[in-house]
Amino acid sequence: MEHRGFTVWFTGLPCSGKSTLARALEQQVRSRDLPVEVLDGDEMRQRLTKGLGFSKVDRDENIRRIAYVAKLLTRVGAVAIVAAVSPYREIRDEAREEIGNFIEVYVKCPLEECIRRDVKGLYAKALGGEIPNFTGISDPYEAPMRPEVTVETESEGVGESLAKILQTLSQLGYIATMP
């Protein structure tokens, strides 16, 4: 199978399981000897998009910058794995258009479960009015209309969700199935 670069874009509410799945996928891609980088939203905000806030304009710019890096990685044949809330459908569609080889994974998880998992206490602060523009509380999250994969992290284990993603990547011709 001839290798071509592609981007797997994880989107979902904060604490839905995007980063966990991104790291699990990274290991699977690495085990196939493919070049791979994870672009984690939290890490990107510390480095690439430092100084951007959480207004819609800033969030869109944040996603545009991440998409640009993903496009560069994809163009040189690497696998870019993006784990970013990316709450707005329009900007995700823009990223898909720019990148080309783009697989959207909707990490679906009920808000109550995301709140329960929140180790940093961000939801509690948002609910208390301390964090404005918090996705799922005071700012909208627009679920994808036609993601290539939907994983339901409240009811699926990491292995089950990962298997769905790998199966889709194989069906789309991006990776070979493991024996």
Protein backbone atom coordinates (compact mmCIF):
# COMPACT_ATOMS: atom_id res chain seq x y z
CA MET A 1 0.00 0.00 0.00
CA GLU A 2 1.46 3.34 -1.05
CA HIS A 3 1.59 5.75 1.87
CA ARG A 4 0.13 9.24 1.65
CA GLY A 5 -0.12 11.85 4.34
CA PHE A 6 -3.41 12.48 6.08
CA THR A 7 -4.92 14.28 9.05
CA VAL A 8 -7.15 12.72 11.69
CA TRP A 9 -9.09 15.53 13.37
CA PHE A 10 -10.60 14.74 16.78
CA THR A 11 -13.37 17.13 17.80
CA GLY A 12 -15.61 17.08 20.86
CA LEU A 13 -16.39 18.75 24.16
CA PRO A 14 -13.61 19.42 26.68
CA CYS A 15 -12.87 16.17 28.61
CA SER A 16 -14.63 13.97 26.04
CA GLY A 17 -11.49 11.88 25.43
CA LYS A 18 -9.86 13.51 22.39
CA SER A 19 -6.28 13.59 23.70
CA THR A 20 -6.47 10.04 25.09
CA LEU A 21 -7.64 8.68 21.74
CA ALA A 22 -5.13 10.83 19.83
CA ARG A 23 -2.23 9.35 21.85
CA ALA A 24 -3.58 5.80 21.41
CA LEU A 25 -3.87 6.37 17.64
CA GLU A 26 -0.36 7.84 17.57
CA GLN A 27 1.03 4.55 18.97
CA GLN A 28 -0.86 2.53 16.35
CA VAL A 29 0.38 4.75 13.50
CA ARG A 30 3.95 4.63 14.84
CA SER A 31 3.78 0.81 15.02
CA ARG A 32 3.14 0.89 11.24
CA ASP A 33 6.40 2.85 10.77
CA LEU A 34 4.59 5.97 9.56
CA PRO A 35 5.77 9.48 10.50
CA VAL A 36 3.24 10.97 12.92
CA GLU A 37 2.75 14.09 15.04
CA VAL A 38 0.01 14.86 17.54
CA LEU A 39 -1.19 18.47 17.55
CA ASP A 40 -2.92 18.73 20.91
CA GLY A 41 -5.11 21.79 21.41
CA ASP A 42 -3.81 22.49 24.92
CA GLU A 43 -0.17 22.23 23.81
CA MET A 44 -0.81 24.34 20.71
CA ARG A 45 -2.26 27.10 22.90
CA GLN A 46 0.95 27.18 24.95
CA ARG A 47 3.21 27.42 21.90
CA LEU A 48 1.73 28.12 18.49
CA THR A 49 -1.32 30.19 19.45
CA LYS A 50 -0.21 31.78 22.71
CA GLY A 51 -1.96 35.07 23.22
CA LEU A 52 -5.19 34.03 21.53
CA GLY A 53 -8.26 34.10 23.75
CA PHE A 54 -11.54 32.22 23.52
CA SER A 55 -13.70 34.63 21.53
CA LYS A 56 -15.09 33.18 18.30
CA VAL A 57 -12.56 35.18 16.26
CA ASP A 58 -9.65 33.90 18.38
CA ARG A 59 -10.93 30.31 18.39
CA ASP A 60 -11.23 30.39 14.61
CA GLU A 61 -7.68 31.75 14.28
CA ASN A 62 -6.45 29.05 16.68
CA ILE A 63 -7.99 26.33 14.48
CA ARG A 64 -6.69 27.95 11.27
CA ARG A 65 -3.12 27.86 12.64
CA ILE A 66 -3.43 24.24 13.76
CA ALA A 67 -4.96 23.32 10.37
CA TYR A 68 -2.06 25.00 8.59
CA VAL A 69 0.50 22.91 10.51
CA ALA A 70 -1.58 19.77 9.87
CA LYS A 71 -1.65 20.63 6.16
CA LEU A 72 2.14 20.98 6.04
CA LEU A 73 2.61 17.62 7.79
CA THR A 74 0.06 15.96 5.49
CA ARG A 75 1.68 17.45 2.40
CA VAL A 76 5.07 15.89 3.21
CA GLY A 77 3.51 12.47 3.79
CA ALA A 78 3.21 12.50 7.56
CA VAL A 79 0.17 11.70 9.66
CA ALA A 80 -1.15 14.68 11.63
CA ILE A 81 -3.40 13.82 14.55
CA VAL A 82 -5.26 16.87 15.83
CA ALA A 83 -7.01 16.85 19.20
CA ALA A 84 -8.79 20.19 19.58
CA VAL A 85 -12.26 21.11 20.81
CA SER A 86 -12.76 23.05 17.55
CA PRO A 87 -16.37 23.85 18.48
CA TYR A 88 -17.48 25.53 15.27
CA ARG A 89 -18.53 23.44 12.26
CA GLU A 90 -17.67 26.10 9.69
CA ILE A 91 -14.01 26.35 10.68
CA ARG A 92 -13.65 22.54 10.80
CA ASP A 93 -15.06 22.42 7.27
CA GLU A 94 -12.53 25.08 6.27
CA ALA A 95 -9.74 22.92 7.75
CA ARG A 96 -11.04 19.89 5.81
CA GLU A 97 -10.99 21.91 2.60
CA GLU A 98 -7.46 23.22 3.20
CA ILE A 99 -5.93 19.90 4.26
CA GLY A 100 -7.56 17.55 1.77
CA ASN A 101 -6.82 14.09 3.21
CA PHE A 102 -8.96 14.75 6.28
CA ILE A 103 -10.73 12.29 8.55
CA GLU A 104 -13.03 13.85 11.14
CA VAL A 105 -13.58 11.89 14.34
CA TYR A 106 -16.45 13.08 16.51
CA VAL A 107 -15.66 12.23 20.11
CA LYS A 108 -19.22 12.14 21.38
CA CYS A 109 -19.72 12.26 25.12
CA PRO A 110 -22.62 13.68 27.16
CA LEU A 111 -21.88 16.97 28.91
CA GLU A 112 -22.60 15.43 32.34
CA GLU A 113 -19.92 12.77 31.76
CA CYS A 114 -17.39 15.39 30.56
CA ILE A 115 -18.06 17.39 33.74
CA ARG A 116 -17.59 14.25 35.84
CA ARG A 117 -14.21 13.55 34.17
CA ASP A 118 -12.88 17.10 34.51
CA VAL A 119 -9.73 16.77 36.61
CA LYS A 120 -8.71 20.42 36.11
CA GLY A 121 -12.01 21.77 37.46
CA LEU A 122 -12.60 23.92 34.39
CA TYR A 123 -16.29 23.03 34.08
CA ALA A 124 -16.85 23.95 37.74
CA LYS A 125 -15.19 27.32 37.15
CA ALA A 126 -17.23 27.86 33.97
CA LEU A 127 -20.47 26.93 35.76
CA GLY A 128 -19.47 29.36 38.52
CA GLY A 129 -19.03 32.14 35.96
CA GLU A 130 -15.24 32.32 36.38
CA ILE A 131 -14.45 31.21 32.80
CA PRO A 132 -16.39 33.04 30.07
CA ASN A 133 -16.90 31.47 26.61
CA PHE A 134 -16.47 27.91 27.87
CA THR A 135 -17.55 25.33 25.30
CA GLY A 136 -20.58 23.36 26.40
CA ILE A 137 -21.48 25.81 29.18
CA SER A 138 -21.47 29.43 28.01
CA ASP A 139 -20.36 28.82 24.42
CA PRO A 140 -21.85 26.44 21.85
CA TYR A 141 -20.42 23.20 20.54
CA GLU A 142 -21.56 22.37 17.02
CA ALA A 143 -21.38 18.61 16.48
CA PRO A 144 -20.19 17.45 13.05
CA MET A 145 -22.92 16.65 10.52
CA ARG A 146 -21.07 13.88 8.65
CA PRO A 147 -17.92 12.83 10.49
CA GLU A 148 -16.06 9.85 9.04
CA VAL A 149 -16.11 8.27 12.50
CA THR A 150 -18.19 8.82 15.64
CA VAL A 151 -16.92 7.32 18.86
CA GLU A 152 -19.03 7.33 22.02
CA THR A 153 -16.57 7.51 24.86
CA GLU A 154 -19.14 7.22 27.63
CA SER A 155 -20.05 3.68 26.56
CA GLU A 156 -16.94 2.54 24.60
CA GLY A 157 -13.52 1.75 25.98
CA VAL A 158 -10.43 3.30 24.37
CA GLY A 159 -9.71 0.03 22.53
CA GLU A 160 -13.20 -0.14 21.03
CA SER A 161 -13.12 3.49 19.89
CA LEU A 162 -9.61 3.06 18.50
CA ALA A 163 -10.67 -0.05 16.57
CA LYS A 164 -13.49 1.94 14.89
CA ILE A 165 -11.01 4.65 13.86
CA LEU A 166 -8.44 2.17 12.53
CA GLN A 167 -11.12 0.28 10.60
CA THR A 168 -12.25 3.51 8.94
CA LEU A 169 -8.67 4.54 8.09
CA SER A 170 -8.15 1.12 6.54
CA GLN A 171 -11.43 1.25 4.58
CA LEU A 172 -10.48 4.70 3.24
CA GLY A 173 -7.09 3.36 2.13
CA TYR A 174 -4.94 5.45 4.48
CA ILE A 175 -3.45 2.55 6.46
CA ALA A 176 -3.04 -1.18 6.00
CA THR A 177 -4.86 -3.40 8.45
CA MET A 178 -2.63 -5.13 10.93
CA PRO A 179 -2.42 -8.93 10.58
